[in-house]
Amino acid sequence: MRISSILGLTALALLFSSQAALATPPPGTRLSGTIQQTVDTAHAYVGEKVQLTSVTSPGANVHGATMYGRVTSVVRAGQGRAARLRITMDRLTLPSGESYAVTGVVTGMTANTKSNALKEAAGAVGGMIVGNMLGKMVFHTGGGGLVGAASGFLLAKNNRENMTVPAGSTVNVLLSTARRQASRP
C-alpha cells in the first residue's frame, strides 16, 4: 500500500512538472534563435517570410523551437536616410509539435553595413576638382578646391548604406502575447 502511494505521488509530480514545462510562454518572455536566410534592406519587402531555428529562452522553458515571422517594415538607405528593418514573429513551434500564435518583436539582431570611407574620399577628391575649376574659372580666386573638397565629403558622408542581417546570425525576440493553437490533423 505504501509503495503504491509513493508511486502514485511520483506519477502526479511527473505529470505536473511535464505540464509546467509545456505551459504557454508568458508575455515578456525573451527568446533568441538563429535566422535561416539573409535579409537585407536593399532587397527585403514587407511580408517577406523569416524563420528562426534553435530558439531558446534564458530559463530554458523553450528549447530547440522554431519561430516564424515576417518583415513588417523596411526602409532602404539613401541620401540622408539610414536603413531600417522591422521583423515581427507570429508563430512559435516547439520540438514536440505544439504550436503557439505569438506576437514577438525583434529587439536585437546582427546587422552589417558597408563602410562609407571610399565614397567619402571619392566625394572629397571630386569636390576638390570641381571646386578648384569653379574657383579659378568663375570667381578668379584660389581656395575653391578646399570648399569643393569639404562639400563633396559632406555630401558623400550623408549618403547612407543598406544593412544586411546574414543567415546564421542570432536574433533576439520579445514576446508580447502567446496563445496555444489547436493541433492540426
N, C-alpha and C. Protein backbone atom coordinates (compact mmCIF):
# COMPACT_ATOMS: atom_id res chain seq x y z
N MET A 1 0.82 -1.19 0.00
CA MET A 1 0.00 0.00 0.00
C MET A 1 0.87 1.25 0.00
N ARG A 2 1.90 1.24 0.83
CA ARG A 2 2.78 2.39 0.95
C ARG A 2 3.53 2.64 -0.35
N ILE A 3 4.00 1.58 -1.01
CA ILE A 3 4.74 1.71 -2.25
C ILE A 3 3.83 2.25 -3.35
N SER A 4 2.58 1.79 -3.42
CA SER A 4 1.67 2.29 -4.45
C SER A 4 1.35 3.77 -4.23
N SER A 5 1.30 4.22 -2.99
CA SER A 5 1.07 5.65 -2.70
C SER A 5 2.26 6.48 -3.17
N ILE A 6 3.45 5.97 -2.91
CA ILE A 6 4.67 6.68 -3.34
C ILE A 6 4.73 6.74 -4.86
N LEU A 7 4.42 5.62 -5.51
CA LEU A 7 4.41 5.61 -6.97
C LEU A 7 3.35 6.55 -7.53
N GLY A 8 2.20 6.60 -6.91
CA GLY A 8 1.13 7.49 -7.35
C GLY A 8 1.54 8.95 -7.21
N LEU A 9 2.15 9.30 -6.10
CA LEU A 9 2.61 10.68 -5.89
C LEU A 9 3.73 11.04 -6.87
N THR A 10 4.61 10.09 -7.14
CA THR A 10 5.68 10.33 -8.10
C THR A 10 5.10 10.55 -9.50
N ALA A 11 4.11 9.77 -9.88
CA ALA A 11 3.47 9.93 -11.18
C ALA A 11 2.79 11.30 -11.29
N LEU A 12 2.12 11.72 -10.23
CA LEU A 12 1.48 13.04 -10.23
C LEU A 12 2.52 14.15 -10.35
N ALA A 13 3.62 14.01 -9.62
CA ALA A 13 4.68 15.02 -9.69
C ALA A 13 5.25 15.11 -11.10
N LEU A 14 5.47 13.97 -11.73
CA LEU A 14 5.98 13.97 -13.11
C LEU A 14 4.96 14.59 -14.07
N LEU A 15 3.70 14.31 -13.87
CA LEU A 15 2.66 14.86 -14.73
C LEU A 15 2.62 16.38 -14.62
N PHE A 16 2.64 16.89 -13.39
CA PHE A 16 2.58 18.35 -13.20
C PHE A 16 3.85 19.03 -13.70
N SER A 17 5.03 18.40 -13.51
CA SER A 17 6.27 19.02 -13.97
C SER A 17 6.34 19.04 -15.49
N SER A 18 5.83 17.99 -16.16
CA SER A 18 5.85 17.99 -17.63
C SER A 18 4.85 19.01 -18.17
N GLN A 19 3.71 19.20 -17.51
CA GLN A 19 2.75 20.20 -17.96
C GLN A 19 3.28 21.60 -17.72
N ALA A 20 4.00 21.82 -16.65
CA ALA A 20 4.58 23.14 -16.38
C ALA A 20 5.60 23.50 -17.45
N ALA A 21 6.37 22.50 -17.91
CA ALA A 21 7.38 22.77 -18.92
C ALA A 21 6.74 23.14 -20.26
N LEU A 22 5.49 22.69 -20.50
CA LEU A 22 4.82 22.94 -21.75
C LEU A 22 3.82 24.10 -21.66
N ALA A 23 3.82 24.82 -20.55
CA ALA A 23 2.89 25.93 -20.38
C ALA A 23 3.15 27.01 -21.43
N THR A 24 2.12 27.78 -21.74
CA THR A 24 2.23 28.86 -22.71
C THR A 24 3.26 29.88 -22.23
N PRO A 25 4.18 30.27 -23.10
CA PRO A 25 5.18 31.28 -22.71
C PRO A 25 4.49 32.60 -22.33
N PRO A 26 4.79 33.16 -21.19
CA PRO A 26 4.11 34.38 -20.75
C PRO A 26 4.60 35.61 -21.51
N PRO A 27 3.79 36.68 -21.54
CA PRO A 27 4.25 37.94 -22.13
C PRO A 27 5.52 38.40 -21.42
N GLY A 28 6.43 38.98 -22.19
CA GLY A 28 7.71 39.43 -21.64
C GLY A 28 8.80 38.38 -21.77
N THR A 29 8.46 37.19 -22.26
CA THR A 29 9.47 36.15 -22.45
C THR A 29 10.45 36.59 -23.54
N ARG A 30 11.73 36.47 -23.23
CA ARG A 30 12.79 36.80 -24.19
C ARG A 30 13.29 35.51 -24.82
N LEU A 31 13.35 35.51 -26.14
CA LEU A 31 13.81 34.34 -26.88
C LEU A 31 14.95 34.75 -27.80
N SER A 32 15.79 33.80 -28.14
CA SER A 32 16.82 34.06 -29.15
C SER A 32 16.94 32.83 -30.03
N GLY A 33 17.22 33.08 -31.31
CA GLY A 33 17.33 32.00 -32.27
C GLY A 33 18.24 32.38 -33.41
N THR A 34 18.42 31.48 -34.35
CA THR A 34 19.31 31.67 -35.50
C THR A 34 18.46 31.89 -36.75
N ILE A 35 18.69 33.01 -37.43
CA ILE A 35 17.93 33.30 -38.65
C ILE A 35 18.43 32.41 -39.78
N GLN A 36 17.50 31.91 -40.58
CA GLN A 36 17.83 30.93 -41.60
C GLN A 36 18.14 31.52 -42.97
N GLN A 37 17.75 32.76 -43.22
CA GLN A 37 18.01 33.37 -44.52
C GLN A 37 18.56 34.77 -44.32
N THR A 38 19.29 35.23 -45.31
CA THR A 38 19.83 36.58 -45.28
C THR A 38 18.70 37.56 -45.62
N VAL A 39 18.61 38.63 -44.83
CA VAL A 39 17.63 39.68 -45.08
C VAL A 39 18.41 40.98 -45.19
N ASP A 40 18.24 41.68 -46.31
CA ASP A 40 18.94 42.97 -46.45
C ASP A 40 17.96 44.03 -46.91
N THR A 41 18.20 45.26 -46.47
CA THR A 41 17.27 46.35 -46.74
C THR A 41 17.26 46.75 -48.21
N ALA A 42 18.23 46.37 -48.99
CA ALA A 42 18.24 46.69 -50.41
C ALA A 42 17.20 45.86 -51.18
N HIS A 43 16.91 44.64 -50.70
CA HIS A 43 16.03 43.73 -51.43
C HIS A 43 14.83 43.24 -50.62
N ALA A 44 14.79 43.49 -49.32
CA ALA A 44 13.69 42.99 -48.48
C ALA A 44 12.39 43.68 -48.86
N TYR A 45 11.27 43.02 -48.57
CA TYR A 45 9.96 43.60 -48.83
C TYR A 45 9.02 43.25 -47.69
N VAL A 46 8.03 44.10 -47.46
CA VAL A 46 7.05 43.87 -46.41
C VAL A 46 6.30 42.58 -46.74
N GLY A 47 6.22 41.70 -45.76
CA GLY A 47 5.57 40.40 -45.95
C GLY A 47 6.55 39.27 -46.21
N GLU A 48 7.82 39.58 -46.44
CA GLU A 48 8.82 38.54 -46.67
C GLU A 48 8.90 37.64 -45.45
N LYS A 49 8.89 36.33 -45.68
CA LYS A 49 8.90 35.36 -44.57
C LYS A 49 10.29 35.23 -43.97
N VAL A 50 10.30 35.04 -42.65
CA VAL A 50 11.54 34.89 -41.88
C VAL A 50 11.38 33.69 -40.96
N GLN A 51 12.44 32.90 -40.81
CA GLN A 51 12.40 31.73 -39.93
C GLN A 51 13.60 31.74 -39.01
N LEU A 52 13.35 31.48 -37.72
CA LEU A 52 14.41 31.32 -36.73
C LEU A 52 14.39 29.88 -36.24
N THR A 53 15.56 29.27 -36.12
CA THR A 53 15.66 27.91 -35.57
C THR A 53 16.50 27.95 -34.30
N SER A 54 16.52 26.82 -33.60
CA SER A 54 17.26 26.69 -32.34
C SER A 54 16.86 27.79 -31.36
N VAL A 55 15.57 28.07 -31.31
CA VAL A 55 15.05 29.14 -30.44
C VAL A 55 15.03 28.65 -29.00
N THR A 56 15.60 29.47 -28.12
CA THR A 56 15.64 29.15 -26.70
C THR A 56 15.27 30.39 -25.88
N SER A 57 14.88 30.12 -24.63
CA SER A 57 14.64 31.21 -23.68
C SER A 57 15.68 31.08 -22.57
N PRO A 58 15.99 32.19 -21.87
CA PRO A 58 17.01 32.13 -20.83
C PRO A 58 16.72 31.10 -19.74
N GLY A 59 15.45 30.92 -19.37
CA GLY A 59 15.09 29.94 -18.35
C GLY A 59 14.94 28.54 -18.91
N ALA A 60 15.18 28.38 -20.21
CA ALA A 60 15.08 27.11 -20.93
C ALA A 60 13.68 26.52 -20.88
N ASN A 61 12.64 27.36 -20.66
CA ASN A 61 11.26 26.89 -20.82
C ASN A 61 11.03 26.52 -22.27
N VAL A 62 11.70 27.25 -23.15
CA VAL A 62 11.64 26.98 -24.58
C VAL A 62 13.04 26.57 -25.00
N HIS A 63 13.16 25.43 -25.68
CA HIS A 63 14.47 24.95 -26.10
C HIS A 63 14.33 24.19 -27.42
N GLY A 64 15.09 24.61 -28.44
CA GLY A 64 15.08 23.92 -29.72
C GLY A 64 13.84 24.17 -30.56
N ALA A 65 13.16 25.28 -30.32
CA ALA A 65 11.93 25.60 -31.05
C ALA A 65 12.24 26.29 -32.37
N THR A 66 11.20 26.51 -33.16
CA THR A 66 11.29 27.25 -34.42
C THR A 66 10.27 28.37 -34.37
N MET A 67 10.69 29.56 -34.83
CA MET A 67 9.77 30.71 -34.90
C MET A 67 9.63 31.15 -36.34
N TYR A 68 8.43 31.61 -36.66
CA TYR A 68 8.13 32.10 -38.00
C TYR A 68 7.61 33.53 -37.90
N GLY A 69 7.98 34.34 -38.86
CA GLY A 69 7.52 35.72 -38.85
C GLY A 69 7.65 36.35 -40.22
N ARG A 70 7.53 37.68 -40.24
CA ARG A 70 7.56 38.42 -41.49
C ARG A 70 8.25 39.77 -41.30
N VAL A 71 8.77 40.28 -42.39
CA VAL A 71 9.28 41.65 -42.41
C VAL A 71 8.04 42.55 -42.39
N THR A 72 7.96 43.46 -41.42
CA THR A 72 6.79 44.33 -41.31
C THR A 72 7.10 45.78 -41.68
N SER A 73 8.38 46.12 -41.81
CA SER A 73 8.76 47.47 -42.24
C SER A 73 10.18 47.43 -42.76
N VAL A 74 10.41 48.10 -43.88
CA VAL A 74 11.77 48.19 -44.42
C VAL A 74 11.96 49.58 -45.02
N VAL A 75 13.09 50.19 -44.69
CA VAL A 75 13.47 51.49 -45.25
C VAL A 75 14.83 51.31 -45.90
N ARG A 76 14.89 51.55 -47.19
CA ARG A 76 16.17 51.45 -47.90
C ARG A 76 17.00 52.69 -47.60
N ALA A 77 18.30 52.51 -47.49
CA ALA A 77 19.19 53.62 -47.21
C ALA A 77 19.26 54.54 -48.42
N GLY A 78 19.53 55.80 -48.17
CA GLY A 78 19.66 56.76 -49.25
C GLY A 78 20.33 58.03 -48.75
N GLN A 79 20.22 59.07 -49.51
CA GLN A 79 20.83 60.34 -49.14
C GLN A 79 20.15 60.88 -47.89
N GLY A 80 20.86 60.87 -46.77
CA GLY A 80 20.33 61.37 -45.51
C GLY A 80 19.35 60.45 -44.82
N ARG A 81 19.18 59.22 -45.30
CA ARG A 81 18.20 58.30 -44.75
C ARG A 81 18.89 56.98 -44.39
N ALA A 82 18.91 56.66 -43.11
CA ALA A 82 19.52 55.41 -42.65
C ALA A 82 18.58 54.23 -42.94
N ALA A 83 19.17 53.07 -43.19
CA ALA A 83 18.38 51.85 -43.42
C ALA A 83 17.73 51.41 -42.11
N ARG A 84 16.49 50.90 -42.23
CA ARG A 84 15.78 50.36 -41.07
C ARG A 84 15.06 49.09 -41.49
N LEU A 85 14.95 48.17 -40.52
CA LEU A 85 14.29 46.89 -40.77
C LEU A 85 13.53 46.48 -39.52
N ARG A 86 12.25 46.13 -39.68
CA ARG A 86 11.47 45.63 -38.55
C ARG A 86 10.93 44.26 -38.93
N ILE A 87 11.13 43.30 -38.02
CA ILE A 87 10.64 41.93 -38.22
C ILE A 87 9.75 41.60 -37.03
N THR A 88 8.57 41.04 -37.32
CA THR A 88 7.64 40.62 -36.27
C THR A 88 7.42 39.12 -36.40
N MET A 89 7.53 38.41 -35.29
CA MET A 89 7.34 36.96 -35.27
C MET A 89 5.89 36.66 -34.90
N ASP A 90 5.28 35.64 -35.57
CA ASP A 90 3.87 35.36 -35.31
C ASP A 90 3.55 33.91 -34.94
N ARG A 91 4.55 33.01 -35.01
CA ARG A 91 4.29 31.62 -34.64
C ARG A 91 5.52 31.00 -34.01
N LEU A 92 5.30 30.23 -32.95
CA LEU A 92 6.34 29.50 -32.24
C LEU A 92 5.95 28.04 -32.23
N THR A 93 6.83 27.17 -32.73
CA THR A 93 6.57 25.73 -32.75
C THR A 93 7.65 25.03 -31.94
N LEU A 94 7.21 24.28 -30.93
CA LEU A 94 8.13 23.53 -30.07
C LEU A 94 8.52 22.23 -30.75
N PRO A 95 9.64 21.61 -30.33
CA PRO A 95 10.05 20.33 -30.93
C PRO A 95 8.98 19.23 -30.79
N SER A 96 8.12 19.34 -29.77
CA SER A 96 7.05 18.35 -29.57
C SER A 96 5.94 18.49 -30.60
N GLY A 97 5.96 19.60 -31.38
CA GLY A 97 4.92 19.84 -32.37
C GLY A 97 3.88 20.84 -31.90
N GLU A 98 3.89 21.17 -30.61
CA GLU A 98 2.94 22.17 -30.10
C GLU A 98 3.24 23.51 -30.76
N SER A 99 2.17 24.22 -31.12
CA SER A 99 2.33 25.48 -31.83
C SER A 99 1.59 26.59 -31.08
N TYR A 100 2.19 27.77 -31.07
CA TYR A 100 1.61 28.92 -30.39
C TYR A 100 1.54 30.09 -31.36
N ALA A 101 0.38 30.76 -31.37
CA ALA A 101 0.27 32.03 -32.09
C ALA A 101 0.88 33.08 -31.16
N VAL A 102 1.88 33.79 -31.63
CA VAL A 102 2.59 34.75 -30.78
C VAL A 102 2.65 36.11 -31.47
N THR A 103 2.89 37.11 -30.67
CA THR A 103 3.29 38.42 -31.18
C THR A 103 4.65 38.68 -30.56
N GLY A 104 5.67 38.66 -31.38
CA GLY A 104 7.03 38.87 -30.90
C GLY A 104 7.74 39.88 -31.76
N VAL A 105 8.36 40.84 -31.11
CA VAL A 105 9.09 41.89 -31.83
C VAL A 105 10.58 41.63 -31.69
N VAL A 106 11.29 41.73 -32.80
CA VAL A 106 12.75 41.56 -32.77
C VAL A 106 13.35 42.76 -32.05
N THR A 107 14.12 42.48 -31.00
CA THR A 107 14.73 43.54 -30.21
C THR A 107 16.23 43.68 -30.47
N GLY A 108 16.80 42.71 -31.15
CA GLY A 108 18.23 42.78 -31.45
C GLY A 108 18.59 41.77 -32.51
N MET A 109 19.51 42.18 -33.40
CA MET A 109 20.00 41.28 -34.44
C MET A 109 21.35 41.79 -34.92
N THR A 110 22.12 40.90 -35.50
CA THR A 110 23.41 41.28 -36.05
C THR A 110 23.17 41.87 -37.43
N ALA A 111 23.41 43.16 -37.58
CA ALA A 111 23.20 43.83 -38.86
C ALA A 111 24.53 44.41 -39.34
N ASN A 112 24.90 44.09 -40.56
CA ASN A 112 26.16 44.58 -41.13
C ASN A 112 25.87 45.69 -42.13
N THR A 113 26.71 46.72 -42.12
CA THR A 113 26.65 47.77 -43.13
C THR A 113 28.04 47.96 -43.71
N LYS A 114 28.09 48.37 -44.97
CA LYS A 114 29.37 48.64 -45.62
C LYS A 114 29.93 49.96 -45.10
N SER A 115 31.23 50.09 -45.20
CA SER A 115 31.89 51.34 -44.83
C SER A 115 31.66 52.37 -45.92
N ASN A 116 31.50 53.61 -45.51
CA ASN A 116 31.30 54.72 -46.43
C ASN A 116 32.63 55.42 -46.76
N ALA A 117 33.75 54.91 -46.25
CA ALA A 117 35.04 55.61 -46.36
C ALA A 117 35.44 55.87 -47.81
N LEU A 118 35.26 54.89 -48.69
CA LEU A 118 35.65 55.08 -50.09
C LEU A 118 34.79 56.15 -50.76
N LYS A 119 33.48 56.13 -50.49
CA LYS A 119 32.60 57.16 -51.04
C LYS A 119 33.00 58.55 -50.53
N GLU A 120 33.35 58.63 -49.25
CA GLU A 120 33.71 59.92 -48.67
C GLU A 120 35.00 60.46 -49.29
N ALA A 121 35.98 59.58 -49.49
CA ALA A 121 37.24 60.01 -50.11
C ALA A 121 37.01 60.44 -51.56
N ALA A 122 36.23 59.65 -52.30
CA ALA A 122 35.94 59.99 -53.69
C ALA A 122 35.16 61.30 -53.77
N GLY A 123 34.24 61.50 -52.85
CA GLY A 123 33.47 62.74 -52.82
C GLY A 123 34.35 63.95 -52.56
N ALA A 124 35.31 63.78 -51.66
CA ALA A 124 36.23 64.88 -51.35
C ALA A 124 37.12 65.21 -52.55
N VAL A 125 37.66 64.19 -53.21
CA VAL A 125 38.52 64.42 -54.37
C VAL A 125 37.73 65.04 -55.52
N GLY A 126 36.55 64.47 -55.81
CA GLY A 126 35.71 65.02 -56.87
C GLY A 126 35.29 66.45 -56.57
N GLY A 127 34.92 66.70 -55.32
CA GLY A 127 34.53 68.05 -54.93
C GLY A 127 35.69 69.03 -55.03
N MET A 128 36.90 68.56 -54.69
CA MET A 128 38.08 69.43 -54.78
C MET A 128 38.34 69.82 -56.24
N ILE A 129 38.23 68.87 -57.16
CA ILE A 129 38.48 69.16 -58.58
C ILE A 129 37.44 70.15 -59.10
N VAL A 130 36.16 69.88 -58.84
CA VAL A 130 35.10 70.78 -59.31
C VAL A 130 35.23 72.15 -58.66
N GLY A 131 35.47 72.17 -57.35
CA GLY A 131 35.61 73.45 -56.63
C GLY A 131 36.79 74.26 -57.13
N ASN A 132 37.90 73.60 -57.42
CA ASN A 132 39.09 74.28 -57.93
C ASN A 132 38.80 74.89 -59.31
N MET A 133 38.14 74.11 -60.18
CA MET A 133 37.81 74.61 -61.51
C MET A 133 36.86 75.81 -61.44
N LEU A 134 35.81 75.68 -60.61
CA LEU A 134 34.86 76.79 -60.48
C LEU A 134 35.52 78.03 -59.86
N GLY A 135 36.35 77.80 -58.87
CA GLY A 135 37.03 78.92 -58.20
C GLY A 135 37.90 79.71 -59.15
N LYS A 136 38.64 79.01 -60.00
CA LYS A 136 39.56 79.70 -60.91
C LYS A 136 38.84 80.28 -62.13
N MET A 137 37.90 79.53 -62.70
CA MET A 137 37.26 79.97 -63.93
C MET A 137 36.16 81.02 -63.70
N VAL A 138 35.35 80.79 -62.69
CA VAL A 138 34.20 81.67 -62.48
C VAL A 138 34.53 82.84 -61.57
N PHE A 139 35.16 82.53 -60.44
CA PHE A 139 35.39 83.56 -59.42
C PHE A 139 36.80 84.15 -59.47
N HIS A 140 37.69 83.57 -60.24
CA HIS A 140 39.08 84.02 -60.39
C HIS A 140 39.80 84.14 -59.04
N THR A 141 39.57 83.15 -58.19
CA THR A 141 40.22 83.13 -56.88
C THR A 141 40.74 81.73 -56.59
N GLY A 142 41.58 81.64 -55.60
CA GLY A 142 42.03 80.34 -55.12
C GLY A 142 41.13 79.90 -53.97
N GLY A 143 41.30 78.69 -53.50
CA GLY A 143 40.53 78.21 -52.35
C GLY A 143 39.27 77.46 -52.73
N GLY A 144 38.93 77.44 -54.00
CA GLY A 144 37.74 76.72 -54.44
C GLY A 144 37.87 75.22 -54.22
N GLY A 145 39.10 74.74 -54.33
CA GLY A 145 39.35 73.31 -54.14
C GLY A 145 39.04 72.88 -52.72
N LEU A 146 39.42 73.71 -51.74
CA LEU A 146 39.16 73.40 -50.33
C LEU A 146 37.67 73.37 -50.05
N VAL A 147 36.94 74.36 -50.54
CA VAL A 147 35.49 74.41 -50.34
C VAL A 147 34.82 73.23 -51.06
N GLY A 148 35.27 72.93 -52.27
CA GLY A 148 34.72 71.80 -53.02
C GLY A 148 34.98 70.47 -52.34
N ALA A 149 36.19 70.31 -51.79
CA ALA A 149 36.54 69.06 -51.09
C ALA A 149 35.64 68.86 -49.87
N ALA A 150 35.45 69.93 -49.10
CA ALA A 150 34.59 69.84 -47.92
C ALA A 150 33.16 69.52 -48.32
N SER A 151 32.66 70.17 -49.37
CA SER A 151 31.29 69.94 -49.84
C SER A 151 31.12 68.51 -50.34
N GLY A 152 32.07 68.03 -51.13
CA GLY A 152 32.00 66.66 -51.66
C GLY A 152 32.05 65.63 -50.55
N PHE A 153 32.89 65.86 -49.55
CA PHE A 153 33.00 64.94 -48.41
C PHE A 153 31.68 64.88 -47.65
N LEU A 154 31.11 66.05 -47.35
CA LEU A 154 29.86 66.08 -46.57
C LEU A 154 28.70 65.45 -47.34
N LEU A 155 28.64 65.69 -48.63
CA LEU A 155 27.60 65.09 -49.44
C LEU A 155 27.72 63.56 -49.44
N ALA A 156 28.93 63.05 -49.60
CA ALA A 156 29.15 61.60 -49.61
C ALA A 156 28.91 61.01 -48.22
N LYS A 157 29.28 61.73 -47.17
CA LYS A 157 29.10 61.23 -45.80
C LYS A 157 27.62 61.05 -45.48
N ASN A 158 26.78 61.89 -46.05
CA ASN A 158 25.35 61.83 -45.79
C ASN A 158 24.65 60.74 -46.61
N ASN A 159 25.35 60.11 -47.54
CA ASN A 159 24.78 59.04 -48.35
C ASN A 159 24.94 57.74 -47.57
N ARG A 160 23.84 57.18 -47.06
CA ARG A 160 23.88 56.02 -46.18
C ARG A 160 23.93 54.70 -46.95
N GLU A 161 24.35 53.65 -46.26
CA GLU A 161 24.45 52.30 -46.85
C GLU A 161 23.32 51.42 -46.31
N ASN A 162 22.87 50.46 -47.12
CA ASN A 162 21.89 49.48 -46.69
C ASN A 162 22.52 48.53 -45.68
N MET A 163 21.68 47.84 -44.92
CA MET A 163 22.19 46.87 -43.94
C MET A 163 21.75 45.47 -44.30
N THR A 164 22.54 44.50 -43.84
CA THR A 164 22.28 43.10 -44.11
C THR A 164 22.29 42.32 -42.81
N VAL A 165 21.29 41.47 -42.61
CA VAL A 165 21.27 40.52 -41.49
C VAL A 165 21.61 39.17 -42.11
N PRO A 166 22.85 38.69 -41.89
CA PRO A 166 23.26 37.46 -42.57
C PRO A 166 22.62 36.20 -41.98
N ALA A 167 22.37 35.21 -42.84
CA ALA A 167 21.87 33.91 -42.39
C ALA A 167 22.85 33.34 -41.37
N GLY A 168 22.32 32.73 -40.33
CA GLY A 168 23.16 32.14 -39.30
C GLY A 168 23.44 33.07 -38.13
N SER A 169 22.98 34.31 -38.21
CA SER A 169 23.24 35.24 -37.09
C SER A 169 22.13 35.12 -36.04
N THR A 170 22.43 35.57 -34.83
CA THR A 170 21.49 35.49 -33.72
C THR A 170 20.50 36.65 -33.75
N VAL A 171 19.24 36.32 -33.50
CA VAL A 171 18.17 37.32 -33.44
C VAL A 171 17.48 37.17 -32.09
N ASN A 172 17.25 38.29 -31.41
CA ASN A 172 16.57 38.30 -30.11
C ASN A 172 15.14 38.80 -30.29
N VAL A 173 14.20 38.13 -29.61
CA VAL A 173 12.78 38.44 -29.74
C VAL A 173 12.16 38.61 -28.36
N LEU A 174 11.24 39.58 -28.24
CA LEU A 174 10.48 39.79 -27.01
C LEU A 174 9.01 39.49 -27.32
N LEU A 175 8.43 38.52 -26.58
CA LEU A 175 7.03 38.15 -26.79
C LEU A 175 6.12 39.11 -26.04
N SER A 176 5.06 39.57 -26.72
CA SER A 176 4.06 40.36 -26.02
C SER A 176 2.78 39.55 -25.81
N THR A 177 2.52 38.58 -26.68
CA THR A 177 1.39 37.67 -26.48
C THR A 177 1.76 36.28 -26.99
N ALA A 178 1.09 35.28 -26.43
CA ALA A 178 1.23 33.89 -26.90
C ALA A 178 -0.03 33.13 -26.51
N ARG A 179 -0.57 32.37 -27.46
CA ARG A 179 -1.70 31.51 -27.13
C ARG A 179 -1.54 30.23 -27.92
N ARG A 180 -1.85 29.14 -27.23
CA ARG A 180 -1.69 27.82 -27.83
C ARG A 180 -2.70 27.61 -28.95
N GLN A 181 -2.23 27.05 -30.06
CA GLN A 181 -3.10 26.75 -31.18
C GLN A 181 -3.54 25.29 -31.12
N ALA A 182 -4.73 25.01 -31.61
CA ALA A 182 -5.20 23.63 -31.67
C ALA A 182 -4.31 22.86 -32.63
N SER A 183 -4.06 21.59 -32.30
CA SER A 183 -3.22 20.77 -33.17
C SER A 183 -3.99 20.45 -34.45
N ARG A 184 -3.25 20.37 -35.53
CA ARG A 184 -3.84 20.10 -36.84
C ARG A 184 -3.76 18.62 -37.14
N PRO A 185 -4.81 18.05 -37.78
CA PRO A 185 -4.80 16.60 -38.08
C PRO A 185 -3.79 16.25 -39.14
